[in-house]
Amino acid sequence: MNLDTLLKVVDGTYKVLCDGKEIENAENLNEKKFVVESVSATEGMVCIQVKKNISTPNDLNEEWVKEHIEKYGTEPNIFDGC
């Protein structure tokens, strides 16, 4: 679940933490830069721990991807080469 969806369903007060520090205005976070790591509740406060998203999205504009599409007519996938 992404942070935006989670914040919409939290009923009550919450705080969002990253590396042990509270993030102000968490609802304005760039969703692609953070992922939810854990959710807990203590004394009526929902604590949402996020971490920086270190995954790199597949860039279909890379030269090797364009060459693959030109050669095979499809985007690369995990089954190529089998």
N, C-alpha and C. Protein backbone atom coordinates (compact mmCIF):
# COMPACT_ATOMS: atom_id res chain seq x y z
N MET A 1 0.86 -1.17 0.00
CA MET A 1 0.00 0.00 0.00
C MET A 1 0.90 1.23 0.00
N ASN A 2 0.52 2.22 -0.79
CA ASN A 2 1.32 3.44 -0.79
C ASN A 2 0.87 4.38 0.33
N LEU A 3 1.70 5.34 0.65
CA LEU A 3 1.46 6.24 1.78
C LEU A 3 0.18 7.04 1.60
N ASP A 4 -0.07 7.53 0.40
CA ASP A 4 -1.26 8.34 0.13
C ASP A 4 -2.54 7.56 0.45
N THR A 5 -2.62 6.32 0.00
CA THR A 5 -3.79 5.48 0.26
C THR A 5 -3.92 5.20 1.75
N LEU A 6 -2.82 4.93 2.41
CA LEU A 6 -2.84 4.65 3.84
C LEU A 6 -3.35 5.85 4.64
N LEU A 7 -2.88 7.04 4.31
CA LEU A 7 -3.30 8.24 5.05
C LEU A 7 -4.80 8.51 4.88
N LYS A 8 -5.38 8.10 3.76
CA LYS A 8 -6.81 8.30 3.52
C LYS A 8 -7.67 7.42 4.43
N VAL A 9 -7.14 6.28 4.87
CA VAL A 9 -7.95 5.37 5.68
C VAL A 9 -7.63 5.42 7.17
N VAL A 10 -6.61 6.16 7.55
CA VAL A 10 -6.28 6.28 8.97
C VAL A 10 -7.35 7.14 9.64
N ASP A 11 -7.98 6.57 10.65
CA ASP A 11 -9.02 7.28 11.40
C ASP A 11 -8.42 7.70 12.73
N GLY A 12 -8.01 8.95 12.82
CA GLY A 12 -7.39 9.44 14.05
C GLY A 12 -6.10 10.17 13.74
N THR A 13 -5.34 10.39 14.79
CA THR A 13 -4.08 11.13 14.61
C THR A 13 -2.97 10.18 14.20
N TYR A 14 -2.05 10.69 13.45
CA TYR A 14 -0.93 9.89 12.99
C TYR A 14 0.31 10.76 12.86
N LYS A 15 1.44 10.10 12.80
CA LYS A 15 2.68 10.77 12.46
C LYS A 15 3.46 9.87 11.53
N VAL A 16 4.21 10.50 10.64
CA VAL A 16 5.01 9.77 9.68
C VAL A 16 6.48 10.00 10.03
N LEU A 17 7.22 8.92 10.14
CA LEU A 17 8.63 8.99 10.52
C LEU A 17 9.50 8.42 9.42
N CYS A 18 10.66 9.05 9.22
CA CYS A 18 11.67 8.54 8.29
C CYS A 18 13.02 8.68 8.98
N ASP A 19 13.74 7.59 9.12
CA ASP A 19 15.03 7.58 9.82
C ASP A 19 14.91 8.15 11.23
N GLY A 20 13.79 7.85 11.91
CA GLY A 20 13.59 8.28 13.28
C GLY A 20 13.15 9.72 13.45
N LYS A 21 12.98 10.45 12.35
CA LYS A 21 12.57 11.85 12.43
C LYS A 21 11.17 12.01 11.87
N GLU A 22 10.36 12.81 12.57
CA GLU A 22 8.99 13.03 12.11
C GLU A 22 8.99 13.93 10.88
N ILE A 23 8.15 13.58 9.92
CA ILE A 23 8.03 14.36 8.69
C ILE A 23 6.80 15.24 8.80
N GLU A 24 7.00 16.54 8.67
CA GLU A 24 5.88 17.49 8.68
C GLU A 24 5.20 17.45 7.32
N ASN A 25 3.90 17.68 7.28
CA ASN A 25 3.13 17.71 6.02
C ASN A 25 3.33 16.44 5.20
N ALA A 26 3.21 15.30 5.84
CA ALA A 26 3.45 14.02 5.17
C ALA A 26 2.53 13.79 3.98
N GLU A 27 1.34 14.39 4.01
CA GLU A 27 0.42 14.19 2.90
C GLU A 27 0.94 14.83 1.60
N ASN A 28 1.97 15.65 1.68
CA ASN A 28 2.55 16.28 0.50
C ASN A 28 3.82 15.60 0.01
N LEU A 29 4.15 14.46 0.61
CA LEU A 29 5.37 13.74 0.20
C LEU A 29 5.25 13.26 -1.24
N ASN A 30 6.37 13.25 -1.92
CA ASN A 30 6.42 12.66 -3.26
C ASN A 30 6.35 11.14 -3.10
N GLU A 31 5.26 10.56 -3.53
CA GLU A 31 5.00 9.12 -3.33
C GLU A 31 6.11 8.22 -3.88
N LYS A 32 6.75 8.63 -4.95
CA LYS A 32 7.73 7.77 -5.58
C LYS A 32 9.04 7.72 -4.81
N LYS A 33 9.26 8.67 -3.91
CA LYS A 33 10.52 8.70 -3.17
C LYS A 33 10.48 7.92 -1.86
N PHE A 34 9.28 7.52 -1.39
CA PHE A 34 9.15 6.83 -0.11
C PHE A 34 8.24 5.62 -0.22
N VAL A 35 8.55 4.59 0.57
CA VAL A 35 7.68 3.42 0.68
C VAL A 35 7.39 3.18 2.15
N VAL A 36 6.20 2.66 2.44
CA VAL A 36 5.81 2.37 3.82
C VAL A 36 6.56 1.13 4.28
N GLU A 37 7.26 1.27 5.40
CA GLU A 37 8.03 0.17 5.95
C GLU A 37 7.25 -0.55 7.05
N SER A 38 6.56 0.23 7.91
CA SER A 38 5.78 -0.39 8.98
C SER A 38 4.72 0.58 9.49
N VAL A 39 3.71 0.01 10.16
CA VAL A 39 2.64 0.79 10.77
C VAL A 39 2.44 0.24 12.18
N SER A 40 2.36 1.14 13.16
CA SER A 40 2.11 0.73 14.53
C SER A 40 1.22 1.78 15.20
N ALA A 41 0.69 1.44 16.36
CA ALA A 41 -0.14 2.38 17.11
C ALA A 41 0.25 2.33 18.58
N THR A 42 0.40 3.50 19.17
CA THR A 42 0.73 3.61 20.59
C THR A 42 -0.08 4.73 21.20
N GLU A 43 -0.85 4.41 22.22
CA GLU A 43 -1.65 5.39 22.94
C GLU A 43 -2.50 6.25 22.00
N GLY A 44 -3.14 5.60 21.05
CA GLY A 44 -4.04 6.30 20.13
C GLY A 44 -3.37 7.03 18.99
N MET A 45 -2.07 6.95 18.87
CA MET A 45 -1.33 7.61 17.78
C MET A 45 -0.84 6.55 16.81
N VAL A 46 -1.21 6.68 15.54
CA VAL A 46 -0.73 5.77 14.50
C VAL A 46 0.63 6.29 14.04
N CYS A 47 1.62 5.42 14.06
CA CYS A 47 2.98 5.77 13.62
C CYS A 47 3.27 5.01 12.33
N ILE A 48 3.56 5.76 11.30
CA ILE A 48 3.85 5.17 9.99
C ILE A 48 5.32 5.41 9.70
N GLN A 49 6.07 4.33 9.61
CA GLN A 49 7.51 4.42 9.31
C GLN A 49 7.70 4.26 7.81
N VAL A 50 8.35 5.23 7.19
CA VAL A 50 8.64 5.14 5.76
C VAL A 50 10.15 5.11 5.57
N LYS A 51 10.56 4.66 4.41
CA LYS A 51 11.98 4.70 4.07
C LYS A 51 12.09 5.17 2.63
N LYS A 52 13.24 5.67 2.29
CA LYS A 52 13.45 6.16 0.93
C LYS A 52 13.43 4.98 -0.02
N ASN A 53 12.75 5.18 -1.12
CA ASN A 53 12.63 4.15 -2.15
C ASN A 53 13.89 4.19 -3.00
N ILE A 54 14.70 3.16 -2.89
CA ILE A 54 15.96 3.14 -3.63
C ILE A 54 15.87 2.38 -4.95
N SER A 55 14.69 1.83 -5.26
CA SER A 55 14.56 1.11 -6.53
C SER A 55 14.54 2.09 -7.69
N THR A 56 15.08 1.66 -8.78
CA THR A 56 15.14 2.48 -9.98
C THR A 56 14.08 1.98 -10.95
N PRO A 57 13.16 2.85 -11.35
CA PRO A 57 12.13 2.39 -12.29
C PRO A 57 12.74 2.08 -13.66
N ASN A 58 12.11 1.18 -14.36
CA ASN A 58 12.57 0.83 -15.70
C ASN A 58 12.36 2.01 -16.63
N ASP A 59 13.42 2.47 -17.23
CA ASP A 59 13.33 3.60 -18.16
C ASP A 59 13.24 3.06 -19.57
N LEU A 60 12.05 3.08 -20.12
CA LEU A 60 11.84 2.54 -21.46
C LEU A 60 12.43 3.42 -22.55
N ASN A 61 13.01 4.56 -22.17
CA ASN A 61 13.65 5.43 -23.15
C ASN A 61 15.14 5.16 -23.28
N GLU A 62 15.66 4.18 -22.55
CA GLU A 62 17.07 3.81 -22.66
C GLU A 62 17.34 3.26 -24.06
N GLU A 63 18.54 3.50 -24.55
CA GLU A 63 18.91 3.08 -25.91
C GLU A 63 18.79 1.57 -26.09
N TRP A 64 19.21 0.78 -25.09
CA TRP A 64 19.15 -0.68 -25.24
C TRP A 64 17.70 -1.17 -25.34
N VAL A 65 16.77 -0.46 -24.66
CA VAL A 65 15.36 -0.84 -24.72
C VAL A 65 14.82 -0.55 -26.13
N LYS A 66 15.16 0.60 -26.67
CA LYS A 66 14.72 0.95 -28.03
C LYS A 66 15.26 -0.06 -29.04
N GLU A 67 16.51 -0.46 -28.88
CA GLU A 67 17.10 -1.46 -29.78
C GLU A 67 16.37 -2.80 -29.67
N HIS A 68 16.04 -3.18 -28.45
CA HIS A 68 15.32 -4.44 -28.23
C HIS A 68 13.95 -4.40 -28.91
N ILE A 69 13.23 -3.30 -28.75
CA ILE A 69 11.90 -3.17 -29.36
C ILE A 69 12.02 -3.21 -30.87
N GLU A 70 13.03 -2.53 -31.41
CA GLU A 70 13.22 -2.51 -32.86
C GLU A 70 13.55 -3.92 -33.38
N LYS A 71 14.37 -4.65 -32.65
CA LYS A 71 14.80 -5.98 -33.08
C LYS A 71 13.71 -7.04 -32.93
N TYR A 72 12.98 -7.01 -31.76
CA TYR A 72 12.03 -8.07 -31.45
C TYR A 72 10.57 -7.66 -31.53
N GLY A 73 10.32 -6.35 -31.58
CA GLY A 73 8.94 -5.89 -31.69
C GLY A 73 8.18 -5.83 -30.37
N THR A 74 8.86 -6.11 -29.25
CA THR A 74 8.23 -6.08 -27.94
C THR A 74 9.19 -5.46 -26.92
N GLU A 75 8.63 -4.99 -25.80
CA GLU A 75 9.45 -4.48 -24.72
C GLU A 75 10.15 -5.66 -24.03
N PRO A 76 11.33 -5.47 -23.45
CA PRO A 76 12.01 -6.55 -22.76
C PRO A 76 11.21 -7.03 -21.54
N ASN A 77 11.33 -8.30 -21.23
CA ASN A 77 10.67 -8.85 -20.04
C ASN A 77 11.53 -9.94 -19.45
N ILE A 78 11.13 -10.43 -18.28
CA ILE A 78 11.96 -11.39 -17.55
C ILE A 78 12.09 -12.73 -18.27
N PHE A 79 11.27 -13.00 -19.26
CA PHE A 79 11.30 -14.28 -19.95
C PHE A 79 12.18 -14.25 -21.20
N ASP A 80 12.71 -13.08 -21.54
CA ASP A 80 13.60 -13.00 -22.71
C ASP A 80 14.84 -13.87 -22.48
N GLY A 81 15.24 -14.56 -23.50
CA GLY A 81 16.45 -15.37 -23.42
C GLY A 81 16.22 -16.79 -22.92
N CYS A 82 14.98 -17.13 -22.62
CA CYS A 82 14.71 -18.49 -22.13
C CYS A 82 14.58 -19.45 -23.28
